[in-house]
Structures are given as structure tokens and as C-alpha cells.
Amino acid sequence: MTQTTDKMTASTAHESAKEMSNFEMVATGVTTGIIATAIMQTGRGVVTLLAKNPAVIFGAGVATGYFVRKYRKGILLSAHKVAAQGKDFAIHQKKHIDDLLTCEDD
């Protein structure tokens, strides 16, 4: 009889833990949403304020130009890699479509 009680207690504890983890997941999601909203509101105000100042815009352009010039080789390599992956993906998808069309004809 104690084994049955132990099994019921373990089962109840497992269900309780499962419910708690679901609650924690929901709480985490809500908290993340609240934080993201706060960051967006704060960031929007800061960006609007900075975008109105021409010196900030000029400085951002200079900084962007500096980093693009500094890392141009890496940027070009990444662009070529992405282009090659895109071509491979298109070829792969074309093969799948051809396979599907030939299977439907059979």
C-alpha cells in the first residue's frame, strides 16, 4: 500500500513540476515581452533625438566608412560565400521540384 502511495505522490509531484515549468515558461515570455517593449520605447526616443543632430549622422557615416574599409576583405568573402550558398540552394530546390514532378507522373 505504501508503494502505491509513493507512486501517486511521485506522479503528483511530477505533474506539479510540469505545471510549474509551464508557468515559468509563460512568466519568462511575458517578462521578455515587457523588457523588449521598454527597450524599444527607450531606443526609439534616443534614436529620434540623435537622428536630428547632423554631427551624429556625420560621425556615424565616418565610423561606418572606417569599419567597412578596415574589414572590406572579410565583407567581400562573406558576400561571395552567401552568393554561392544561394546558388546551391536554388539548384537543390530545382532538383527537388524535378523529383516531385517525376514522381507525380509515375
C-alpha atoms as a PDB file:
ATOM      1  CA  MET A   1       0.000   0.000   0.000  1.00  0.00           C
ATOM      2  CA  THR A   2       2.868   2.368   0.702  1.00  0.00           C
ATOM      3  CA  GLN A   3       4.287   1.643  -2.758  1.00  0.00           C
ATOM      4  CA  THR A   4       1.015   2.755  -4.337  1.00  0.00           C
ATOM      5  CA  THR A   5       1.011   5.880  -2.197  1.00  0.00           C
ATOM      6  CA  ASP A   6       4.640   6.549  -3.138  1.00  0.00           C
ATOM      7  CA  LYS A   7       3.809   6.158  -6.837  1.00  0.00           C
ATOM      8  CA  MET A   8       0.836   8.510  -6.508  1.00  0.00           C
ATOM      9  CA  THR A   9       2.950  11.042  -4.641  1.00  0.00           C
ATOM     10  CA  ALA A  10       5.704  10.839  -7.265  1.00  0.00           C
ATOM     11  CA  SER A  11       3.119  11.166 -10.032  1.00  0.00           C
ATOM     12  CA  THR A  12       1.532  14.180  -8.353  1.00  0.00           C
ATOM     13  CA  ALA A  13       4.947  15.753  -7.785  1.00  0.00           C
ATOM     14  CA  HIS A  14       5.830  15.211 -11.444  1.00  0.00           C
ATOM     15  CA  GLU A  15       2.584  16.840 -12.620  1.00  0.00           C
ATOM     16  CA  SER A  16       3.127  19.719 -10.210  1.00  0.00           C
ATOM     17  CA  ALA A  17       6.654  20.224 -11.536  1.00  0.00           C
ATOM     18  CA  LYS A  18       5.321  20.104 -15.091  1.00  0.00           C
ATOM     19  CA  GLU A  19       2.717  22.759 -14.305  1.00  0.00           C
ATOM     20  CA  MET A  20       5.361  24.876 -12.620  1.00  0.00           C
ATOM     21  CA  SER A  21       7.638  24.643 -15.639  1.00  0.00           C
ATOM     22  CA  ASN A  22       4.739  25.726 -17.894  1.00  0.00           C
ATOM     23  CA  PHE A  23       4.076  28.635 -15.553  1.00  0.00           C
ATOM     24  CA  GLU A  24       7.756  29.556 -15.602  1.00  0.00           C
ATOM     25  CA  MET A  25       7.787  29.441 -19.408  1.00  0.00           C
ATOM     26  CA  VAL A  26       4.792  31.778 -19.595  1.00  0.00           C
ATOM     27  CA  ALA A  27       6.281  34.090 -16.971  1.00  0.00           C
ATOM     28  CA  THR A  28       9.580  34.182 -18.850  1.00  0.00           C
ATOM     29  CA  GLY A  29       7.788  35.004 -22.113  1.00  0.00           C
ATOM     30  CA  VAL A  30       5.786  37.801 -20.512  1.00  0.00           C
ATOM     31  CA  THR A  31       8.874  39.220 -18.824  1.00  0.00           C
ATOM     32  CA  THR A  32      10.821  39.127 -22.088  1.00  0.00           C
ATOM     33  CA  GLY A  33       7.978  40.924 -23.864  1.00  0.00           C
ATOM     34  CA  ILE A  34       7.850  43.655 -21.235  1.00  0.00           C
ATOM     35  CA  ILE A  35      11.608  44.180 -21.375  1.00  0.00           C
ATOM     36  CA  ALA A  36      11.623  44.248 -25.185  1.00  0.00           C
ATOM     37  CA  THR A  37       8.831  46.830 -25.217  1.00  0.00           C
ATOM     38  CA  ALA A  38      10.674  49.024 -22.714  1.00  0.00           C
ATOM     39  CA  ILE A  39      13.881  48.828 -24.742  1.00  0.00           C
ATOM     40  CA  MET A  40      12.038  49.681 -27.958  1.00  0.00           C
ATOM     41  CA  GLN A  41      10.360  52.713 -26.412  1.00  0.00           C
ATOM     42  CA  THR A  42      13.609  53.981 -24.905  1.00  0.00           C
ATOM     43  CA  GLY A  43      15.610  53.267 -28.053  1.00  0.00           C
ATOM     44  CA  ARG A  44      13.055  54.985 -30.282  1.00  0.00           C
ATOM     45  CA  GLY A  45      13.345  58.190 -28.283  1.00  0.00           C
ATOM     46  CA  VAL A  46      17.150  58.112 -28.255  1.00  0.00           C
ATOM     47  CA  VAL A  47      17.417  57.376 -31.977  1.00  0.00           C
ATOM     48  CA  THR A  48      14.953  60.139 -32.819  1.00  0.00           C
ATOM     49  CA  LEU A  49      16.938  62.589 -30.714  1.00  0.00           C
ATOM     50  CA  LEU A  50      20.263  61.555 -32.249  1.00  0.00           C
ATOM     51  CA  ALA A  51      18.922  61.479 -35.819  1.00  0.00           C
ATOM     52  CA  LYS A  52      18.069  65.170 -35.585  1.00  0.00           C
ATOM     53  CA  ASN A  53      21.685  66.105 -34.875  1.00  0.00           C
ATOM     54  CA  PRO A  54      23.752  66.411 -38.097  1.00  0.00           C
ATOM     55  CA  ALA A  55      27.057  65.883 -36.267  1.00  0.00           C
ATOM     56  CA  VAL A  56      25.861  62.483 -35.054  1.00  0.00           C
ATOM     57  CA  ILE A  57      24.796  61.487 -38.575  1.00  0.00           C
ATOM     58  CA  PHE A  58      28.160  62.590 -39.983  1.00  0.00           C
ATOM     59  CA  GLY A  59      30.029  60.737 -37.230  1.00  0.00           C
ATOM     60  CA  ALA A  60      28.021  57.570 -37.884  1.00  0.00           C
ATOM     61  CA  GLY A  61      28.888  57.802 -41.575  1.00  0.00           C
ATOM     62  CA  VAL A  62      32.581  58.247 -40.821  1.00  0.00           C
ATOM     63  CA  ALA A  63      32.573  55.312 -38.391  1.00  0.00           C
ATOM     64  CA  THR A  64      30.721  53.117 -40.878  1.00  0.00           C
ATOM     65  CA  GLY A  65      33.162  54.029 -43.633  1.00  0.00           C
ATOM     66  CA  TYR A  66      36.130  53.284 -41.378  1.00  0.00           C
ATOM     67  CA  PHE A  67      34.882  49.829 -40.412  1.00  0.00           C
ATOM     68  CA  VAL A  68      33.829  48.941 -43.969  1.00  0.00           C
ATOM     69  CA  ARG A  69      37.290  49.906 -45.211  1.00  0.00           C
ATOM     70  CA  LYS A  70      39.009  48.043 -42.362  1.00  0.00           C
ATOM     71  CA  TYR A  71      37.021  44.818 -42.812  1.00  0.00           C
ATOM     72  CA  ARG A  72      36.395  45.001 -46.579  1.00  0.00           C
ATOM     73  CA  LYS A  73      38.124  41.683 -47.340  1.00  0.00           C
ATOM     74  CA  GLY A  74      36.034  39.822 -44.776  1.00  0.00           C
ATOM     75  CA  ILE A  75      32.862  41.520 -46.012  1.00  0.00           C
ATOM     76  CA  LEU A  76      33.611  40.527 -49.613  1.00  0.00           C
ATOM     77  CA  LEU A  77      34.410  36.936 -48.627  1.00  0.00           C
ATOM     78  CA  SER A  78      31.163  36.707 -46.677  1.00  0.00           C
ATOM     79  CA  ALA A  79      29.203  38.147 -49.598  1.00  0.00           C
ATOM     80  CA  HIS A  80      30.729  35.645 -52.015  1.00  0.00           C
ATOM     81  CA  LYS A  81      30.038  32.788 -49.599  1.00  0.00           C
ATOM     82  CA  VAL A  82      26.393  33.814 -49.217  1.00  0.00           C
ATOM     83  CA  ALA A  83      26.025  34.140 -53.005  1.00  0.00           C
ATOM     84  CA  ALA A  84      27.462  30.651 -53.509  1.00  0.00           C
ATOM     85  CA  GLN A  85      25.145  29.219 -50.855  1.00  0.00           C
ATOM     86  CA  GLY A  86      22.189  30.902 -52.549  1.00  0.00           C
ATOM     87  CA  LYS A  87      23.123  29.312 -55.892  1.00  0.00           C
ATOM     88  CA  ASP A  88      23.498  25.901 -54.232  1.00  0.00           C
ATOM     89  CA  PHE A  89      20.135  26.318 -52.530  1.00  0.00           C
ATOM     90  CA  ALA A  90      18.434  27.222 -55.812  1.00  0.00           C
ATOM     91  CA  ILE A  91      19.955  24.203 -57.575  1.00  0.00           C
ATOM     92  CA  HIS A  92      18.944  21.948 -54.680  1.00  0.00           C
ATOM     93  CA  GLN A  93      15.358  23.232 -54.759  1.00  0.00           C
ATOM     94  CA  LYS A  94      15.188  22.789 -58.529  1.00  0.00           C
ATOM     95  CA  LYS A  95      16.273  19.152 -58.159  1.00  0.00           C
ATOM     96  CA  HIS A  96      13.590  18.577 -55.506  1.00  0.00           C
ATOM     97  CA  ILE A  97      10.910  20.091 -57.725  1.00  0.00           C
ATOM     98  CA  ASP A  98      12.045  17.942 -60.644  1.00  0.00           C
ATOM     99  CA  ASP A  99      11.931  14.851 -58.395  1.00  0.00           C
ATOM    100  CA  LEU A 100       8.421  15.736 -57.221  1.00  0.00           C
ATOM    101  CA  LEU A 101       7.191  16.276 -60.755  1.00  0.00           C
ATOM    102  CA  THR A 102       8.646  12.976 -61.963  1.00  0.00           C
ATOM    103  CA  CYS A 103       7.105  11.138 -59.006  1.00  0.00           C
ATOM    104  CA  GLU A 104       3.666  12.548 -59.817  1.00  0.00           C
ATOM    105  CA  ASP A 105       3.914  11.370 -63.417  1.00  0.00           C
ATOM    106  CA  ASP A 106       4.561   7.760 -62.349  1.00  0.00           C
END
